[in-house]
Amino acid sequence: MMAKQQIPKPWFKTARIALRRFVPSDAGDLLRLDSDPRVMRYINGGKPSTPAEIAVAMKRIPRIYAMYPGLGTWRAERRDTGAYIGWFTFKYVPKTPEIEVGYRLLHDAWGQGFATEGATALVHYGFDTLGLYRIIGLTHKDNVASQRVLTKAGLTYRGFGRYYDRRLRVFVAERSPH
């Protein structure tokens, strides 16, 4: 008989969201999220992720927890119902020293303030707990909804930059020196 997979307890909570590490049994939730063309509109050229791409991501995500303590991509669920709503991330942007705050939410969770709540909490966590001095957020040039979220989370628009081999809008938060 196979042992039941241990689901980790949330490590981070906001008023309405609980974040925990991803585990292999979460692959179906991640596939459901990344299969929605509305969610993927500004990501991956608008192409939904394949099951094989999700499998690769599910192997990569746990390695980040070990390599970069305090950083990662975490499964997000509603605290009131336990329903999966997407994920939040706090990670190094490839080929840079920059730390990025990000999120991807199921379409059903859009327009309810979850993205702003989670991103704001992670920005505070980055400054207050990790001692970071600078945090960035990146969006596709046309993704106005995410640009609003980043602004509400305390980041300021700083123009365009080249990240992930694309030209993206850059938002920045910097910790006050005092």
N, C-alpha and C. Protein backbone atom coordinates (compact mmCIF):
# COMPACT_ATOMS: atom_id res chain seq x y z
N MET A 1 0.84 -1.18 0.00
CA MET A 1 0.00 0.00 0.00
C MET A 1 0.88 1.24 0.00
N MET A 2 0.54 2.19 -0.82
CA MET A 2 1.34 3.41 -0.95
C MET A 2 0.98 4.41 0.16
N ALA A 3 2.00 5.04 0.73
CA ALA A 3 1.76 6.02 1.80
C ALA A 3 1.08 7.26 1.23
N LYS A 4 0.17 7.80 2.01
CA LYS A 4 -0.52 9.02 1.59
C LYS A 4 0.47 10.18 1.62
N GLN A 5 0.40 11.02 0.60
CA GLN A 5 1.31 12.16 0.50
C GLN A 5 1.00 13.19 1.58
N GLN A 6 2.03 13.63 2.25
CA GLN A 6 1.90 14.65 3.29
C GLN A 6 1.73 16.02 2.63
N ILE A 7 0.64 16.70 2.94
CA ILE A 7 0.41 18.05 2.44
C ILE A 7 0.99 19.02 3.46
N PRO A 8 1.92 19.87 3.05
CA PRO A 8 2.52 20.79 4.02
C PRO A 8 1.52 21.83 4.52
N LYS A 9 1.74 22.25 5.73
CA LYS A 9 0.91 23.32 6.31
C LYS A 9 1.30 24.64 5.65
N PRO A 10 0.36 25.59 5.58
CA PRO A 10 0.72 26.91 5.04
C PRO A 10 1.86 27.53 5.85
N TRP A 11 2.79 28.14 5.17
CA TRP A 11 3.90 28.82 5.85
C TRP A 11 3.65 30.33 5.92
N PHE A 12 2.68 30.80 5.14
CA PHE A 12 2.44 32.24 5.05
C PHE A 12 0.95 32.46 4.85
N LYS A 13 0.39 33.37 5.63
CA LYS A 13 -1.04 33.64 5.51
C LYS A 13 -1.29 35.14 5.46
N THR A 14 -2.29 35.51 4.68
CA THR A 14 -2.83 36.86 4.70
C THR A 14 -4.25 36.73 5.26
N ALA A 15 -5.01 37.79 5.22
CA ALA A 15 -6.38 37.73 5.74
C ALA A 15 -7.20 36.66 5.03
N ARG A 16 -6.98 36.49 3.69
CA ARG A 16 -7.83 35.59 2.93
C ARG A 16 -7.09 34.48 2.19
N ILE A 17 -5.78 34.49 2.22
CA ILE A 17 -4.98 33.56 1.41
C ILE A 17 -4.01 32.80 2.30
N ALA A 18 -3.85 31.51 2.01
CA ALA A 18 -2.81 30.69 2.65
C ALA A 18 -1.87 30.20 1.55
N LEU A 19 -0.57 30.34 1.78
CA LEU A 19 0.44 29.87 0.83
C LEU A 19 1.18 28.69 1.45
N ARG A 20 1.41 27.67 0.63
CA ARG A 20 2.20 26.53 1.07
C ARG A 20 3.04 26.04 -0.10
N ARG A 21 4.00 25.19 0.23
CA ARG A 21 4.84 24.60 -0.81
C ARG A 21 4.00 23.71 -1.72
N PHE A 22 4.40 23.67 -2.98
CA PHE A 22 3.78 22.72 -3.91
C PHE A 22 4.30 21.32 -3.61
N VAL A 23 3.45 20.33 -3.82
CA VAL A 23 3.82 18.92 -3.73
C VAL A 23 3.36 18.24 -5.02
N PRO A 24 3.88 17.05 -5.32
CA PRO A 24 3.54 16.41 -6.60
C PRO A 24 2.04 16.29 -6.88
N SER A 25 1.23 16.08 -5.86
CA SER A 25 -0.21 15.93 -6.11
C SER A 25 -0.89 17.23 -6.54
N ASP A 26 -0.16 18.35 -6.51
CA ASP A 26 -0.71 19.63 -6.96
C ASP A 26 -0.60 19.83 -8.48
N ALA A 27 0.00 18.88 -9.17
CA ALA A 27 0.21 19.04 -10.62
C ALA A 27 -1.09 19.28 -11.36
N GLY A 28 -2.17 18.63 -10.97
CA GLY A 28 -3.45 18.81 -11.65
C GLY A 28 -3.98 20.23 -11.51
N ASP A 29 -3.80 20.82 -10.33
CA ASP A 29 -4.22 22.21 -10.14
C ASP A 29 -3.41 23.15 -11.03
N LEU A 30 -2.11 22.90 -11.08
CA LEU A 30 -1.24 23.74 -11.91
C LEU A 30 -1.60 23.59 -13.39
N LEU A 31 -1.90 22.38 -13.82
CA LEU A 31 -2.30 22.16 -15.21
C LEU A 31 -3.63 22.86 -15.50
N ARG A 32 -4.57 22.79 -14.59
CA ARG A 32 -5.86 23.48 -14.77
C ARG A 32 -5.64 24.98 -14.93
N LEU A 33 -4.77 25.56 -14.10
CA LEU A 33 -4.46 26.99 -14.17
C LEU A 33 -3.84 27.34 -15.52
N ASP A 34 -2.81 26.61 -15.90
CA ASP A 34 -2.05 26.93 -17.11
C ASP A 34 -2.73 26.46 -18.39
N SER A 35 -3.86 25.78 -18.28
CA SER A 35 -4.61 25.35 -19.47
C SER A 35 -5.65 26.38 -19.90
N ASP A 36 -5.86 27.38 -19.09
CA ASP A 36 -6.88 28.40 -19.38
C ASP A 36 -6.26 29.49 -20.27
N PRO A 37 -6.75 29.64 -21.50
CA PRO A 37 -6.18 30.66 -22.40
C PRO A 37 -6.30 32.08 -21.84
N ARG A 38 -7.30 32.35 -21.01
CA ARG A 38 -7.43 33.68 -20.40
C ARG A 38 -6.28 33.94 -19.44
N VAL A 39 -5.89 32.92 -18.68
CA VAL A 39 -4.78 33.04 -17.74
C VAL A 39 -3.47 33.20 -18.49
N MET A 40 -3.31 32.49 -19.58
CA MET A 40 -2.05 32.46 -20.32
C MET A 40 -1.94 33.55 -21.39
N ARG A 41 -2.90 34.42 -21.47
CA ARG A 41 -2.95 35.43 -22.53
C ARG A 41 -1.62 36.19 -22.69
N TYR A 42 -1.00 36.59 -21.60
CA TYR A 42 0.24 37.37 -21.67
C TYR A 42 1.47 36.55 -21.30
N ILE A 43 1.31 35.25 -21.18
CA ILE A 43 2.39 34.37 -20.75
C ILE A 43 2.63 33.32 -21.82
N ASN A 44 3.89 32.99 -22.05
CA ASN A 44 4.22 31.88 -22.95
C ASN A 44 3.63 32.08 -24.34
N GLY A 45 3.55 33.33 -24.77
CA GLY A 45 2.99 33.62 -26.09
C GLY A 45 1.51 33.27 -26.18
N GLY A 46 0.84 33.15 -25.03
CA GLY A 46 -0.58 32.83 -25.01
C GLY A 46 -0.88 31.35 -25.10
N LYS A 47 0.18 30.51 -25.19
CA LYS A 47 -0.03 29.07 -25.32
C LYS A 47 -0.22 28.43 -23.95
N PRO A 48 -1.24 27.61 -23.77
CA PRO A 48 -1.39 26.86 -22.52
C PRO A 48 -0.20 25.91 -22.33
N SER A 49 0.13 25.64 -21.09
CA SER A 49 1.20 24.69 -20.79
C SER A 49 0.73 23.28 -21.06
N THR A 50 1.66 22.44 -21.47
CA THR A 50 1.36 21.03 -21.71
C THR A 50 1.58 20.25 -20.42
N PRO A 51 1.01 19.05 -20.32
CA PRO A 51 1.30 18.21 -19.14
C PRO A 51 2.81 17.98 -18.95
N ALA A 52 3.55 17.84 -20.04
CA ALA A 52 5.00 17.64 -19.91
C ALA A 52 5.68 18.88 -19.32
N GLU A 53 5.24 20.08 -19.72
CA GLU A 53 5.80 21.31 -19.16
C GLU A 53 5.46 21.44 -17.68
N ILE A 54 4.26 21.03 -17.30
CA ILE A 54 3.86 21.06 -15.89
C ILE A 54 4.74 20.08 -15.10
N ALA A 55 5.00 18.92 -15.65
CA ALA A 55 5.85 17.93 -14.97
C ALA A 55 7.25 18.50 -14.72
N VAL A 56 7.80 19.21 -15.70
CA VAL A 56 9.11 19.85 -15.53
C VAL A 56 9.04 20.90 -14.42
N ALA A 57 8.00 21.71 -14.45
CA ALA A 57 7.83 22.75 -13.41
C ALA A 57 7.71 22.12 -12.02
N MET A 58 7.00 21.02 -11.92
CA MET A 58 6.80 20.36 -10.63
C MET A 58 8.11 19.77 -10.09
N LYS A 59 9.07 19.52 -10.95
CA LYS A 59 10.40 19.07 -10.49
C LYS A 59 11.27 20.26 -10.12
N ARG A 60 11.12 21.38 -10.83
CA ARG A 60 11.93 22.57 -10.60
C ARG A 60 11.52 23.31 -9.32
N ILE A 61 10.23 23.43 -9.08
CA ILE A 61 9.72 24.25 -7.96
C ILE A 61 10.32 23.82 -6.62
N PRO A 62 10.32 22.54 -6.25
CA PRO A 62 10.88 22.17 -4.94
C PRO A 62 12.38 22.43 -4.81
N ARG A 63 13.11 22.37 -5.90
CA ARG A 63 14.56 22.65 -5.84
C ARG A 63 14.82 24.10 -5.43
N ILE A 64 13.95 25.01 -5.84
CA ILE A 64 14.13 26.43 -5.51
C ILE A 64 14.02 26.64 -4.00
N TYR A 65 13.08 25.94 -3.36
CA TYR A 65 12.93 26.09 -1.91
C TYR A 65 14.26 25.79 -1.20
N ALA A 66 14.96 24.76 -1.66
CA ALA A 66 16.22 24.36 -1.03
C ALA A 66 17.37 25.29 -1.43
N MET A 67 17.41 25.69 -2.68
CA MET A 67 18.52 26.52 -3.17
C MET A 67 18.48 27.95 -2.64
N TYR A 68 17.28 28.50 -2.49
CA TYR A 68 17.12 29.90 -2.11
C TYR A 68 16.12 30.02 -0.96
N PRO A 69 16.56 29.75 0.27
CA PRO A 69 15.61 29.82 1.40
C PRO A 69 14.89 31.17 1.44
N GLY A 70 13.58 31.10 1.65
CA GLY A 70 12.75 32.30 1.69
C GLY A 70 12.14 32.66 0.35
N LEU A 71 12.65 32.05 -0.73
CA LEU A 71 12.13 32.31 -2.06
C LEU A 71 11.42 31.07 -2.57
N GLY A 72 10.60 31.25 -3.60
CA GLY A 72 9.94 30.11 -4.19
C GLY A 72 8.65 30.48 -4.87
N THR A 73 7.95 29.45 -5.30
CA THR A 73 6.61 29.57 -5.88
C THR A 73 5.70 28.71 -5.01
N TRP A 74 4.63 29.33 -4.51
CA TRP A 74 3.79 28.66 -3.52
C TRP A 74 2.35 28.55 -4.00
N ARG A 75 1.77 27.43 -3.69
CA ARG A 75 0.36 27.16 -3.98
C ARG A 75 -0.48 28.09 -3.10
N ALA A 76 -1.45 28.75 -3.70
CA ALA A 76 -2.33 29.68 -2.97
C ALA A 76 -3.73 29.11 -2.89
N GLU A 77 -4.29 29.19 -1.69
CA GLU A 77 -5.67 28.76 -1.53
C GLU A 77 -6.41 29.76 -0.66
N ARG A 78 -7.72 29.77 -0.82
CA ARG A 78 -8.58 30.62 0.01
C ARG A 78 -8.58 30.06 1.42
N ARG A 79 -8.43 30.93 2.40
CA ARG A 79 -8.46 30.47 3.79
C ARG A 79 -9.86 30.07 4.22
N ASP A 80 -10.89 30.69 3.66
CA ASP A 80 -12.26 30.39 4.09
C ASP A 80 -12.78 29.06 3.57
N THR A 81 -12.37 28.67 2.36
CA THR A 81 -12.90 27.44 1.76
C THR A 81 -11.83 26.39 1.47
N GLY A 82 -10.56 26.80 1.46
CA GLY A 82 -9.48 25.88 1.10
C GLY A 82 -9.34 25.68 -0.39
N ALA A 83 -10.14 26.39 -1.18
CA ALA A 83 -10.10 26.22 -2.64
C ALA A 83 -8.81 26.78 -3.23
N TYR A 84 -8.25 26.03 -4.16
CA TYR A 84 -7.05 26.46 -4.90
C TYR A 84 -7.40 27.68 -5.74
N ILE A 85 -6.57 28.73 -5.67
CA ILE A 85 -6.81 29.91 -6.50
C ILE A 85 -5.65 30.23 -7.44
N GLY A 86 -4.51 29.58 -7.27
CA GLY A 86 -3.37 29.85 -8.13
C GLY A 86 -2.07 29.76 -7.36
N TRP A 87 -1.12 30.62 -7.73
CA TRP A 87 0.15 30.64 -7.01
C TRP A 87 0.71 32.05 -6.94
N PHE A 88 1.63 32.22 -5.99
CA PHE A 88 2.42 33.44 -5.85
C PHE A 88 3.87 33.03 -5.85
N THR A 89 4.72 33.92 -6.33
CA THR A 89 6.14 33.61 -6.38
C THR A 89 6.96 34.80 -5.91
N PHE A 90 8.10 34.46 -5.39
CA PHE A 90 9.11 35.43 -4.98
C PHE A 90 10.40 34.76 -5.38
N LYS A 91 11.05 35.23 -6.45
CA LYS A 91 12.16 34.49 -7.02
C LYS A 91 13.16 35.40 -7.72
N TYR A 92 14.35 34.83 -7.95
CA TYR A 92 15.32 35.52 -8.78
C TYR A 92 14.85 35.48 -10.23
N VAL A 93 14.99 36.61 -10.92
CA VAL A 93 14.72 36.64 -12.36
C VAL A 93 15.95 36.04 -13.04
N PRO A 94 15.78 35.05 -13.93
CA PRO A 94 16.94 34.43 -14.58
C PRO A 94 17.88 35.47 -15.21
N LYS A 95 19.16 35.19 -15.04
CA LYS A 95 20.25 35.99 -15.62
C LYS A 95 20.34 37.39 -15.02
N THR A 96 19.78 37.59 -13.80
CA THR A 96 19.85 38.90 -13.13
C THR A 96 20.00 38.67 -11.63
N PRO A 97 20.34 39.74 -10.88
CA PRO A 97 20.33 39.66 -9.42
C PRO A 97 18.98 40.12 -8.84
N GLU A 98 17.99 40.38 -9.70
CA GLU A 98 16.71 40.94 -9.28
C GLU A 98 15.80 39.89 -8.65
N ILE A 99 15.07 40.29 -7.61
CA ILE A 99 14.03 39.47 -7.00
C ILE A 99 12.68 39.98 -7.51
N GLU A 100 11.88 39.06 -8.03
CA GLU A 100 10.58 39.40 -8.61
C GLU A 100 9.44 38.86 -7.76
N VAL A 101 8.42 39.67 -7.58
CA VAL A 101 7.16 39.21 -7.01
C VAL A 101 6.23 38.93 -8.18
N GLY A 102 5.53 37.80 -8.12
CA GLY A 102 4.63 37.44 -9.21
C GLY A 102 3.49 36.58 -8.72
N TYR A 103 2.56 36.32 -9.60
CA TYR A 103 1.35 35.57 -9.26
C TYR A 103 0.70 35.10 -10.54
N ARG A 104 -0.08 34.06 -10.41
CA ARG A 104 -0.93 33.59 -11.50
C ARG A 104 -2.16 33.00 -10.82
N LEU A 105 -3.32 33.51 -11.16
CA LEU A 105 -4.55 33.09 -10.50
C LEU A 105 -5.57 32.52 -11.49
N LEU A 106 -6.34 31.56 -11.01
CA LEU A 106 -7.46 31.04 -11.80
C LEU A 106 -8.40 32.19 -12.18
N HIS A 107 -9.01 32.11 -13.33
CA HIS A 107 -9.91 33.16 -13.78
C HIS A 107 -11.01 33.44 -12.76
N ASP A 108 -11.51 32.40 -12.10
CA ASP A 108 -12.57 32.58 -11.09
C ASP A 108 -12.12 33.45 -9.92
N ALA A 109 -10.81 33.57 -9.71
CA ALA A 109 -10.28 34.36 -8.58
C ALA A 109 -9.94 35.79 -8.98
N TRP A 110 -10.09 36.12 -10.25
CA TRP A 110 -9.78 37.47 -10.72
C TRP A 110 -10.79 38.48 -10.17
N GLY A 111 -10.35 39.72 -10.02
CA GLY A 111 -11.23 40.81 -9.67
C GLY A 111 -11.72 40.80 -8.23
N GLN A 112 -11.10 39.99 -7.37
CA GLN A 112 -11.51 39.90 -5.98
C GLN A 112 -10.45 40.42 -5.01
N GLY A 113 -9.37 40.98 -5.55
CA GLY A 113 -8.33 41.54 -4.70
C GLY A 113 -7.29 40.55 -4.21
N PHE A 114 -7.38 39.28 -4.62
CA PHE A 114 -6.41 38.28 -4.16
C PHE A 114 -4.99 38.59 -4.65
N ALA A 115 -4.84 38.99 -5.90
CA ALA A 115 -3.51 39.28 -6.44
C ALA A 115 -2.86 40.42 -5.67
N THR A 116 -3.62 41.48 -5.44
CA THR A 116 -3.09 42.63 -4.70
C THR A 116 -2.74 42.24 -3.27
N GLU A 117 -3.62 41.50 -2.62
CA GLU A 117 -3.39 41.08 -1.24
C GLU A 117 -2.12 40.22 -1.11
N GLY A 118 -1.99 39.24 -1.99
CA GLY A 118 -0.82 38.36 -1.94
C GLY A 118 0.47 39.07 -2.30
N ALA A 119 0.43 39.86 -3.37
CA ALA A 119 1.64 40.58 -3.80
C ALA A 119 2.08 41.59 -2.75
N THR A 120 1.15 42.31 -2.17
CA THR A 120 1.48 43.28 -1.13
C THR A 120 2.13 42.59 0.07
N ALA A 121 1.55 41.48 0.49
CA ALA A 121 2.10 40.74 1.63
C ALA A 121 3.51 40.23 1.33
N LEU A 122 3.75 39.76 0.11
CA LEU A 122 5.09 39.27 -0.23
C LEU A 122 6.11 40.40 -0.31
N VAL A 123 5.70 41.57 -0.76
CA VAL A 123 6.61 42.72 -0.78
C VAL A 123 7.02 43.07 0.66
N HIS A 124 6.05 43.11 1.57
CA HIS A 124 6.38 43.38 2.98
C HIS A 124 7.28 42.29 3.55
N TYR A 125 6.98 41.04 3.24
CA TYR A 125 7.81 39.91 3.67
C TYR A 125 9.25 40.08 3.15
N GLY A 126 9.39 40.47 1.90
CA GLY A 126 10.72 40.65 1.31
C GLY A 126 11.53 41.71 2.02
N PHE A 127 10.89 42.82 2.35
CA PHE A 127 11.60 43.90 3.04
C PHE A 127 11.79 43.58 4.51
N ASP A 128 10.72 43.18 5.19
CA ASP A 128 10.75 43.03 6.65
C ASP A 128 11.43 41.75 7.13
N THR A 129 11.24 40.65 6.42
CA THR A 129 11.77 39.36 6.87
C THR A 129 13.07 39.01 6.16
N LEU A 130 13.10 39.18 4.85
CA LEU A 130 14.31 38.81 4.10
C LEU A 130 15.33 39.94 4.04
N GLY A 131 14.93 41.15 4.38
CA GLY A 131 15.87 42.27 4.36
C GLY A 131 16.26 42.75 2.98
N LEU A 132 15.41 42.51 2.01
CA LEU A 132 15.71 42.96 0.65
C LEU A 132 15.62 44.48 0.57
N TYR A 133 16.35 45.04 -0.39
CA TYR A 133 16.31 46.49 -0.62
C TYR A 133 15.51 46.85 -1.85
N ARG A 134 15.36 45.89 -2.76
CA ARG A 134 14.68 46.17 -4.03
C ARG A 134 13.92 44.94 -4.47
N ILE A 135 12.69 45.15 -4.93
CA ILE A 135 11.83 44.09 -5.44
C ILE A 135 11.22 44.60 -6.74
N ILE A 136 11.17 43.74 -7.75
CA ILE A 136 10.57 44.16 -9.01
C ILE A 136 9.34 43.32 -9.34
N GLY A 137 8.52 43.86 -10.21
CA GLY A 137 7.39 43.15 -10.81
C GLY A 137 7.45 43.41 -12.30
N LEU A 138 7.12 42.42 -13.09
CA LEU A 138 7.22 42.52 -14.54
C LEU A 138 5.89 42.17 -15.18
N THR A 139 5.49 42.92 -16.20
CA THR A 139 4.26 42.61 -16.93
C THR A 139 4.45 42.80 -18.42
N HIS A 140 3.62 42.10 -19.17
CA HIS A 140 3.49 42.34 -20.60
C HIS A 140 3.01 43.78 -20.78
N LYS A 141 3.40 44.42 -21.85
CA LYS A 141 3.07 45.84 -22.05
C LYS A 141 1.57 46.12 -22.02
N ASP A 142 0.75 45.14 -22.40
CA ASP A 142 -0.69 45.36 -22.47
C ASP A 142 -1.46 44.84 -21.25
N ASN A 143 -0.77 44.25 -20.28
CA ASN A 143 -1.46 43.64 -19.14
C ASN A 143 -1.76 44.70 -18.07
N VAL A 144 -2.77 45.50 -18.35
CA VAL A 144 -3.14 46.62 -17.48
C VAL A 144 -3.58 46.14 -16.10
N ALA A 145 -4.29 45.02 -16.03
CA ALA A 145 -4.76 44.52 -14.72
C ALA A 145 -3.58 44.21 -13.80
N SER A 146 -2.56 43.53 -14.31
CA SER A 146 -1.39 43.23 -13.47
C SER A 146 -0.60 44.49 -13.14
N GLN A 147 -0.59 45.44 -14.04
CA GLN A 147 0.10 46.70 -13.76
C GLN A 147 -0.58 47.42 -12.59
N ARG A 148 -1.92 47.38 -12.56
CA ARG A 148 -2.65 47.97 -11.43
C ARG A 148 -2.35 47.24 -10.13
N VAL A 149 -2.29 45.91 -10.19
CA VAL A 149 -1.99 45.12 -8.99
C VAL A 149 -0.62 45.52 -8.44
N LEU A 150 0.38 45.59 -9.29
CA LEU A 150 1.73 45.92 -8.83
C LEU A 150 1.78 47.32 -8.23
N THR A 151 1.08 48.25 -8.83
CA THR A 151 1.04 49.62 -8.28
C THR A 151 0.37 49.62 -6.91
N LYS A 152 -0.75 48.92 -6.78
CA LYS A 152 -1.44 48.84 -5.48
C LYS A 152 -0.58 48.13 -4.44
N ALA A 153 0.30 47.24 -4.88
CA ALA A 153 1.18 46.50 -3.97
C ALA A 153 2.40 47.33 -3.56
N GLY A 154 2.49 48.57 -4.05
CA GLY A 154 3.56 49.46 -3.63
C GLY A 154 4.72 49.59 -4.59
N LEU A 155 4.61 49.03 -5.78
CA LEU A 155 5.67 49.15 -6.77
C LEU A 155 5.36 50.34 -7.69
N THR A 156 6.41 50.94 -8.22
CA THR A 156 6.29 52.12 -9.08
C THR A 156 6.76 51.77 -10.49
N TYR A 157 6.03 52.22 -11.48
CA TYR A 157 6.40 51.96 -12.87
C TYR A 157 7.70 52.68 -13.20
N ARG A 158 8.64 51.95 -13.80
CA ARG A 158 9.95 52.51 -14.15
C ARG A 158 10.30 52.38 -15.61
N GLY A 159 9.34 52.07 -16.46
CA GLY A 159 9.64 51.96 -17.89
C GLY A 159 9.76 50.50 -18.31
N PHE A 160 10.50 50.30 -19.40
CA PHE A 160 10.65 48.96 -19.96
C PHE A 160 12.04 48.41 -19.66
N GLY A 161 12.12 47.09 -19.60
CA GLY A 161 13.39 46.40 -19.44
C GLY A 161 13.34 45.08 -20.18
N ARG A 162 14.50 44.47 -20.33
CA ARG A 162 14.57 43.18 -21.03
C ARG A 162 14.77 42.07 -20.00
N TYR A 163 13.73 41.26 -19.83
CA TYR A 163 13.75 40.13 -18.91
C TYR A 163 13.08 38.96 -19.60
N TYR A 164 13.51 37.74 -19.27
CA TYR A 164 12.93 36.53 -19.88
C TYR A 164 12.97 36.62 -21.41
N ASP A 165 14.02 37.27 -21.92
CA ASP A 165 14.20 37.44 -23.37
C ASP A 165 13.05 38.18 -24.03
N ARG A 166 12.39 39.05 -23.26
CA ARG A 166 11.29 39.86 -23.81
C ARG A 166 11.41 41.28 -23.26
N ARG A 167 10.77 42.20 -23.96
CA ARG A 167 10.67 43.58 -23.49
C ARG A 167 9.42 43.68 -22.62
N LEU A 168 9.60 43.96 -21.33
CA LEU A 168 8.50 43.97 -20.38
C LEU A 168 8.46 45.29 -19.61
N ARG A 169 7.28 45.62 -19.11
CA ARG A 169 7.14 46.78 -18.23
C ARG A 169 7.73 46.40 -16.87
N VAL A 170 8.47 47.34 -16.27
CA VAL A 170 9.16 47.09 -15.01
C VAL A 170 8.56 47.98 -13.93
N PHE A 171 8.22 47.36 -12.81
CA PHE A 171 7.73 48.05 -11.62
C PHE A 171 8.71 47.75 -10.50
N VAL A 172 8.99 48.74 -9.64
CA VAL A 172 10.03 48.58 -8.62
C VAL A 172 9.52 49.11 -7.27
N ALA A 173 9.87 48.38 -6.23
CA ALA A 173 9.70 48.85 -4.85
C ALA A 173 11.07 48.82 -4.20
N GLU A 174 11.41 49.88 -3.51
CA GLU A 174 12.70 49.93 -2.80
C GLU A 174 12.44 50.25 -1.34
N ARG A 175 13.17 49.54 -0.49
CA ARG A 175 13.00 49.74 0.94
C ARG A 175 13.52 51.10 1.34
N SER A 176 12.78 51.73 2.20
CA SER A 176 13.18 53.02 2.74
C SER A 176 14.49 52.85 3.52
N PRO A 177 15.42 53.78 3.38
CA PRO A 177 16.72 53.62 4.07
C PRO A 177 16.61 53.76 5.59
N HIS A 178 15.51 54.22 6.14
CA HIS A 178 15.42 54.37 7.60
C HIS A 178 14.41 53.48 8.20
